[in-house]
Protein backbone atom coordinates (compact mmCIF):
# COMPACT_ATOMS: atom_id res chain seq x y z
CA MET A 1 -52.53 175.48 90.47
CA PRO A 2 -52.72 174.95 86.64
CA THR A 3 -52.69 178.73 86.09
CA VAL A 4 -49.42 179.07 87.99
CA ILE A 5 -47.91 176.21 86.02
CA VAL A 6 -48.81 177.71 82.65
CA ALA A 7 -47.44 181.09 83.66
CA HIS A 8 -44.02 179.56 84.35
CA PHE A 9 -43.86 177.42 81.23
CA LYS A 10 -43.00 179.38 78.10
CA THR A 11 -44.48 177.69 75.06
CA ASN A 12 -45.86 180.70 73.23
CA ILE A 13 -44.90 180.96 69.57
CA TYR A 14 -45.57 184.72 69.88
CA GLU A 15 -42.63 185.07 72.24
CA TYR A 16 -40.35 183.32 69.78
CA LEU A 17 -41.50 185.41 66.84
CA GLU A 18 -41.33 188.68 68.78
CA ALA A 19 -37.69 187.96 69.64
CA LEU A 20 -36.73 187.65 65.97
CA GLN A 21 -35.04 190.51 64.17
CA LYS A 22 -37.08 192.54 61.70
CA SER A 23 -34.95 191.27 58.82
CA THR A 24 -35.82 187.67 59.75
CA LEU A 25 -39.52 188.46 60.03
CA ASP A 26 -39.43 190.20 56.65
CA LYS A 27 -38.04 187.00 55.12
CA LEU A 28 -40.77 184.99 56.82
CA TYR A 29 -43.43 187.28 55.38
CA GLU A 30 -42.28 186.44 51.86
CA GLU A 31 -44.31 183.22 52.10
CA PRO A 32 -48.13 183.55 51.83
CA ALA A 33 -48.71 180.44 53.95
CA THR A 34 -46.63 181.93 56.75
CA CYS A 35 -48.56 185.20 56.57
CA LEU A 36 -51.84 183.29 56.85
CA ALA A 37 -50.59 181.14 59.72
CA ILE A 38 -49.39 184.10 61.79
CA PHE A 39 -52.60 185.98 61.01
CA ARG A 40 -54.64 183.04 62.33
CA LEU A 41 -52.61 183.07 65.54
CA LEU A 42 -53.32 186.75 66.22
CA PRO A 43 -55.98 187.90 68.70
CA SER A 44 -59.35 188.79 67.19
CA LEU A 45 -58.91 192.57 67.38
CA ALA A 46 -55.44 192.39 65.85
CA ARG A 47 -56.88 190.40 62.92
CA GLN A 48 -59.58 193.05 62.45
CA LEU A 49 -56.98 195.81 62.32
CA VAL A 50 -54.97 193.91 59.72
CA MET A 51 -58.01 193.28 57.53
CA SER A 52 -59.06 196.93 57.80
CA LEU A 53 -55.74 198.06 56.34
CA LEU A 54 -54.98 195.18 53.99
CA PHE A 55 -56.75 196.54 50.90
CA SER A 56 -57.01 200.16 51.99
CA THR A 57 -55.18 202.89 50.09
CA GLN A 58 -55.89 205.56 52.69
CA ILE A 59 -53.18 206.92 54.96
CA MET A 60 -54.04 206.09 58.55
CA SER A 61 -52.74 207.32 61.88
CA LYS A 62 -53.03 205.64 65.25
CA ALA A 63 -55.73 208.17 66.14
CA ASP A 64 -57.66 207.15 63.01
CA LEU A 65 -57.52 203.49 64.01
CA ARG A 66 -58.64 204.35 67.52
CA GLN A 67 -61.82 205.87 66.09
CA TRP A 68 -62.95 202.37 65.15
CA ILE A 69 -62.78 201.25 68.79
CA LYS A 70 -65.45 201.71 71.46
CA ASN A 71 -64.52 204.55 73.75
CA ASP A 72 -64.30 202.62 77.00
CA LYS A 73 -61.34 201.56 79.10
CA GLU A 74 -61.51 197.84 78.33
CA SER A 75 -61.86 198.27 74.56
CA LEU A 76 -59.07 200.85 74.36
CA SER A 77 -56.82 198.61 76.44
CA LYS A 78 -57.42 195.71 74.05
CA PHE A 79 -56.71 198.05 71.14
CA GLU A 80 -53.34 199.05 72.62
CA GLU A 81 -52.49 195.40 73.28
CA ALA A 82 -53.41 194.39 69.72
CA LEU A 83 -51.44 197.26 68.21
CA ASP A 84 -48.44 196.50 70.42
CA LYS A 85 -48.46 192.85 69.33
CA LEU A 86 -48.69 193.78 65.65
CA GLN A 87 -45.81 196.22 66.01
CA LYS A 88 -43.62 193.71 67.87
CA LEU A 89 -44.20 191.26 65.03
CA HIS A 90 -43.43 194.06 62.55
CA ILE A 91 -46.72 193.41 60.80
CA MET A 92 -47.81 196.97 61.48
CA ILE A 93 -45.25 199.76 61.34
CA GLU A 94 -45.49 203.31 62.65
CA GLN A 95 -43.87 205.67 60.15
CA GLU A 96 -41.85 208.77 60.99
CA ASN A 97 -44.86 210.96 60.18
CA LYS A 98 -46.88 209.00 62.80
CA THR A 99 -48.94 207.18 60.19
CA ILE A 100 -49.59 203.44 60.49
CA ALA A 101 -48.92 201.01 57.64
CA LEU A 102 -48.73 197.28 57.15
CA ASN A 103 -45.37 195.68 56.50
CA SER A 104 -45.05 195.79 52.70
CA SER A 105 -43.95 192.15 52.37
CA PHE A 106 -46.72 190.94 54.66
CA LYS A 107 -49.32 193.05 52.87
CA GLN A 108 -48.38 191.84 49.40
CA LYS A 109 -48.10 188.15 50.26
CA PHE A 110 -51.21 188.09 52.43
CA GLN A 111 -53.16 189.71 49.60
CA GLU A 112 -51.86 186.99 47.27
CA CYS A 113 -52.90 184.39 49.82
CA LEU A 114 -56.48 185.67 50.00
CA THR A 115 -56.91 186.36 46.28
CA GLY A 116 -55.07 183.35 44.87
CA GLY A 117 -52.44 185.49 43.19
CA GLY A 118 -48.78 184.67 42.63
CA THR A 119 -47.06 181.59 41.26
CA HIS A 120 -45.85 180.26 44.61
CA GLN A 121 -46.26 176.77 46.07
CA SER A 122 -46.43 178.14 49.57
CA PHE A 123 -49.28 175.81 50.51
CA GLY A 124 -47.53 172.64 49.45
CA LYS A 125 -47.37 170.81 46.15
CA LEU A 126 -49.96 168.07 45.72
CA TYR A 127 -48.62 164.66 44.81
CA ASN A 128 -50.27 164.11 41.44
CA LYS A 129 -48.35 161.07 40.27
CA PRO A 130 -50.14 157.68 40.15
CA HIS A 131 -49.76 155.68 43.36
CA ARG A 132 -48.05 152.39 42.64
CA HIS A 133 -49.67 149.36 44.26
CA SER A 134 -52.53 151.58 45.43
CA GLN A 135 -54.95 148.70 44.94
CA SER A 136 -52.80 146.18 46.78
CA ASN A 137 -53.90 145.32 50.29
CA SER A 138 -50.25 145.39 51.37
CA HIS A 139 -49.73 148.89 50.00
CA LYS A 140 -52.98 150.61 50.87
CA LEU A 141 -52.92 154.38 50.90
CA PRO A 142 -53.19 155.70 54.46
CA ASP A 143 -56.61 156.93 55.51
CA ILE A 144 -57.23 159.48 58.25
CA LYS A 145 -57.52 156.73 60.87
CA THR A 146 -54.07 155.47 59.91
CA LEU A 147 -52.65 158.99 60.11
CA ASP A 148 -54.24 159.48 63.53
CA GLU A 149 -52.82 156.20 64.78
CA HIS A 150 -49.35 157.16 63.54
CA ALA A 151 -49.56 160.54 65.30
CA LYS A 152 -50.86 158.93 68.48
CA THR A 153 -48.16 156.26 68.56
CA LYS A 154 -45.28 158.65 67.93
CA TRP A 155 -46.41 161.39 70.32
CA GLU A 156 -47.30 158.96 73.11
CA GLU A 157 -43.91 157.36 72.61
CA ILE A 158 -42.33 160.69 73.58
CA LEU A 159 -44.65 161.28 76.55
CA HIS A 160 -44.29 157.75 77.93
CA PHE A 161 -40.52 157.93 77.56
CA MET A 162 -40.53 161.11 79.63
CA VAL A 163 -42.41 159.47 82.51
CA GLY A 164 -40.25 156.35 82.32
CA THR A 165 -42.69 153.79 80.96
CA ASP A 166 -40.57 150.69 80.44
CA ARG A 167 -42.69 149.19 77.68
CA MET A 168 -42.18 152.14 75.32
CA ASN A 169 -39.38 152.23 72.75
CA SER A 170 -36.74 154.88 73.19
CA PRO A 171 -37.45 157.79 70.79
CA GLY A 172 -34.97 158.99 68.18
CA ALA A 173 -31.82 161.03 68.81
CA SER A 174 -33.56 164.26 67.80
CA VAL A 175 -36.20 163.77 70.50
CA LEU A 176 -33.52 163.15 73.13
CA LYS A 177 -31.71 166.34 72.14
CA VAL A 178 -34.90 168.39 72.38
CA VAL A 179 -36.05 167.08 75.78
CA THR A 180 -32.61 167.62 77.31
CA LYS A 181 -32.03 171.02 75.75
CA ALA A 182 -35.48 172.15 76.91
CA ASN A 183 -34.72 170.80 80.41
CA LEU A 184 -37.75 168.53 80.20
CA MET A 185 -35.41 165.68 81.15
CA ARG A 186 -31.93 165.56 82.66
CA GLU A 187 -29.10 163.11 83.12
CA LYS A 188 -29.37 161.07 86.28
CA GLU A 189 -26.11 159.78 87.71
CA GLY A 190 -25.43 156.58 85.82
CA LYS A 191 -29.13 155.92 85.27
CA GLY A 192 -29.91 157.67 82.01
CA LEU A 193 -32.50 160.43 81.76
CA GLU A 194 -35.17 161.41 84.27
CA ILE A 195 -38.06 163.85 84.01
CA THR A 196 -37.70 167.32 85.57
CA ASN A 197 -40.25 169.61 87.22
CA LYS A 198 -40.48 171.44 83.91
CA GLY A 199 -41.13 168.11 82.23
CA PHE A 200 -44.07 167.43 84.54
CA GLN A 201 -45.45 170.87 83.72
CA PHE A 202 -45.07 170.05 80.02
CA LEU A 203 -47.19 166.91 80.44
CA LEU A 204 -50.04 168.95 81.89
CA GLN A 205 -50.42 171.14 78.81
CA ASP A 206 -52.92 170.52 76.02
CA VAL A 207 -51.47 168.74 73.01
CA ASN A 208 -51.28 171.81 70.75
CA THR A 209 -49.28 173.66 73.40
CA GLN A 210 -47.04 170.62 73.84
CA VAL A 211 -46.35 170.37 70.13
CA TRP A 212 -45.53 174.07 69.82
CA ALA A 213 -43.30 173.90 72.91
CA PHE A 214 -41.44 171.01 71.31
CA LEU A 215 -41.13 172.77 67.96
CA ILE A 216 -39.88 175.99 69.57
CA GLN A 217 -37.09 174.06 71.27
CA TYR A 218 -36.40 172.32 67.97
CA LEU A 219 -35.99 175.73 66.34
CA ASP A 220 -33.23 176.62 68.79
CA LEU A 221 -31.65 173.23 68.20
CA ALA A 222 -31.92 173.67 64.43
CA SER A 223 -30.08 176.98 64.42
CA GLU A 224 -27.44 176.21 67.06
CA MET A 225 -26.55 172.56 66.47
CA LEU A 226 -28.03 171.44 63.16
CA HIS A 227 -27.08 174.63 61.30
CA MET A 228 -30.47 174.84 59.63
CA ASN A 229 -31.97 178.00 58.20
CA VAL A 230 -34.52 179.07 60.82
CA VAL A 231 -36.64 180.89 58.24
CA GLU A 232 -36.98 177.72 56.16
CA VAL A 233 -37.83 175.68 59.26
CA LEU A 234 -40.47 178.15 60.44
CA ASN A 235 -41.96 178.46 56.97
CA PHE A 236 -42.31 174.68 56.84
CA PHE A 237 -44.01 174.54 60.24
CA PHE A 238 -46.48 177.23 59.22
CA MET A 239 -47.09 175.59 55.84
CA LEU A 240 -47.98 172.31 57.58
CA GLY A 241 -50.68 174.14 59.52
CA SER A 242 -52.39 175.07 56.25
CA LEU A 243 -52.35 171.63 54.63
CA GLU A 244 -55.29 169.25 54.31
CA LEU A 245 -55.56 166.20 56.53
CA GLY A 246 -55.63 163.02 54.44
CA GLN A 247 -54.03 164.62 51.38
CA ASP A 248 -50.57 163.61 50.19
CA TYR A 249 -47.98 166.19 49.16
CA SER A 250 -44.84 165.99 47.05
CA VAL A 251 -41.35 166.55 48.43
CA GLU A 252 -40.51 168.30 45.17
CA GLY A 253 -40.00 172.00 45.77
CA LEU A 254 -38.88 171.51 49.36
CA THR A 255 -35.46 172.86 50.28
CA ASP A 256 -32.71 170.56 51.55
CA THR A 257 -33.42 171.84 55.06
CA GLN A 258 -37.12 171.07 54.77
CA ARG A 259 -36.44 167.59 53.42
CA GLN A 260 -34.22 166.98 56.42
CA LEU A 261 -37.09 168.13 58.63
CA LEU A 262 -39.35 165.39 57.29
CA ASP A 263 -37.42 162.69 59.15
CA ASP A 264 -37.59 164.45 62.53
CA LEU A 265 -41.24 165.46 62.14
CA THR A 266 -42.10 161.88 61.20
CA ASN A 267 -40.57 160.78 64.51
CA TYR A 268 -42.68 163.40 66.32
CA GLY A 269 -45.90 162.21 64.65
CA LEU A 270 -46.52 165.37 62.62
CA ILE A 271 -45.68 163.71 59.30
CA TYR A 272 -46.46 160.27 57.91
CA ARG A 273 -44.36 158.78 55.10
CA PRO A 274 -44.95 155.33 53.60
CA LYS A 275 -41.17 154.85 53.70
CA LYS A 276 -38.16 157.11 54.23
CA SER A 277 -37.34 157.30 50.52
CA SER A 278 -40.92 158.15 49.56
CA LYS A 279 -41.47 161.15 47.29
CA ARG A 280 -44.66 162.07 49.11
CA TYR A 281 -45.67 162.84 52.67
CA TYR A 282 -48.91 163.20 54.62
CA PRO A 283 -49.44 165.79 57.38
CA THR A 284 -51.18 164.33 60.43
CA ARG A 285 -53.70 166.04 62.66
CA LEU A 286 -50.87 167.22 64.93
CA ALA A 287 -49.56 169.27 62.00
CA THR A 288 -52.79 170.51 60.42
CA THR A 289 -54.04 171.93 63.74
CA LEU A 290 -50.86 173.89 64.51
CA THR A 291 -52.39 177.25 63.61
CA SER A 292 -56.09 176.47 63.61
CA GLY A 293 -56.68 176.94 67.32
CA ASN A 294 -58.39 173.52 67.43
CA SER A 295 -57.34 170.76 69.76
CA ALA A 296 -55.24 168.14 68.05
CA ILE A 297 -57.18 165.10 69.20
CA VAL A 298 -55.78 162.40 66.99
CA SER A 299 -58.24 159.65 67.81
CA ASN A 300 -61.79 160.39 66.79
CA SER A 301 -62.86 156.84 66.14
CA SER A 302 -65.62 156.96 68.73
CA SER A 303 -67.34 159.84 66.96
CA ASN A 304 -66.96 158.20 63.57
CA ASN A 305 -68.10 154.76 64.69
CA PRO A 306 -71.35 155.04 66.64
CA THR A 307 -71.51 151.25 66.98
CA ASP A 308 -68.43 151.20 69.20
CA ASP A 309 -68.91 150.42 72.86
CA ASP A 310 -69.59 153.44 75.04
CA ASP A 311 -66.48 152.59 77.04
CA SER A 312 -64.31 153.36 74.02
CA ALA A 313 -65.25 157.03 74.22
CA THR A 314 -63.97 157.33 77.78
CA GLU A 315 -60.26 157.96 78.24
CA GLN A 316 -58.57 157.18 81.52
CA GLY A 317 -56.72 159.92 83.36
CA PHE A 318 -53.42 159.76 85.20
CA ILE A 319 -52.03 160.96 88.49
CA ILE A 320 -48.39 162.03 88.30
CA VAL A 321 -46.67 161.95 91.69
CA GLU A 322 -43.61 164.19 91.87
CA THR A 323 -40.82 163.63 94.40
CA ASN A 324 -41.83 166.67 96.46
CA TYR A 325 -45.22 164.94 97.05
CA LYS A 326 -47.21 167.45 95.04
CA LEU A 327 -50.02 165.82 93.09
CA TYR A 328 -50.72 166.67 89.46
CA ALA A 329 -54.05 165.46 88.09
CA TYR A 330 -53.61 164.43 84.45
CA THR A 331 -57.32 163.86 83.95
CA ILE A 332 -57.84 164.22 80.20
CA SER A 333 -56.10 162.08 77.64
CA ILE A 334 -54.92 164.02 74.58
CA PHE A 335 -55.64 161.02 72.42
């Protein structure tokens, strides 16, 4: 049953990127952090093909690339899939003379990323100013545990709202727009919002898939209703995936669009800010694991505190009963 559910629930950032026009992708590839993030999201063989061409000055054809692949059906099939994905993302381009080359913008910026070249601040600007009241107990700088708790509280607030938990506060307006636009929830006659079948399917995904699904819907919302620059929004998402957990970053250098994003992403639990007017922000684990392929488990206190009771390491599961009497076993807590 889970396999069927996943197949019918589109949350893949690849699909979103592949649907973008080449001109939009070219603009995305002007940021080294974005190049790194998309590279990390690629399948293993696709990454190998990129690295093989990244610093090469030789002219290559598709036949030349195929020579690097084992001559069996499975390997050649994976090669075709990897090449197809790279071409759909316009990372790899087939020239008129049938030679294969990397997208020039991607190649240059990814080289800068790996060699430390360029004068960009694509990976965020560290907040280097002294922290006022940093020694005061009432103004302590957030540690990783605090960031994890913030992420947990905000993300669970969204999930509990979707299943109708009365004790949870209603999330912000941006969250409501996303869940309704994505058809995760719908208006119920005179009774507010209720979860949909698609919403139940959303709850069964791992947290990284949930976050990306939410952000993809936010991208559509940003372009259609908020009139944001999608390239700036995507670049900011990908930059967050490259930042360091526990480090604070300056809002200086962010565009107006990206500064506006801080408020919404704080409500989603991806960003922590001491206060709304703060000149610095902290990415949480939900943000720093966006492109790492690691699970965004935001509560690791049991592993860091061996003296805790054994019961603290065990998370309870949930059974979600849908109106058609199907049972969905929600057996692993994401937090």
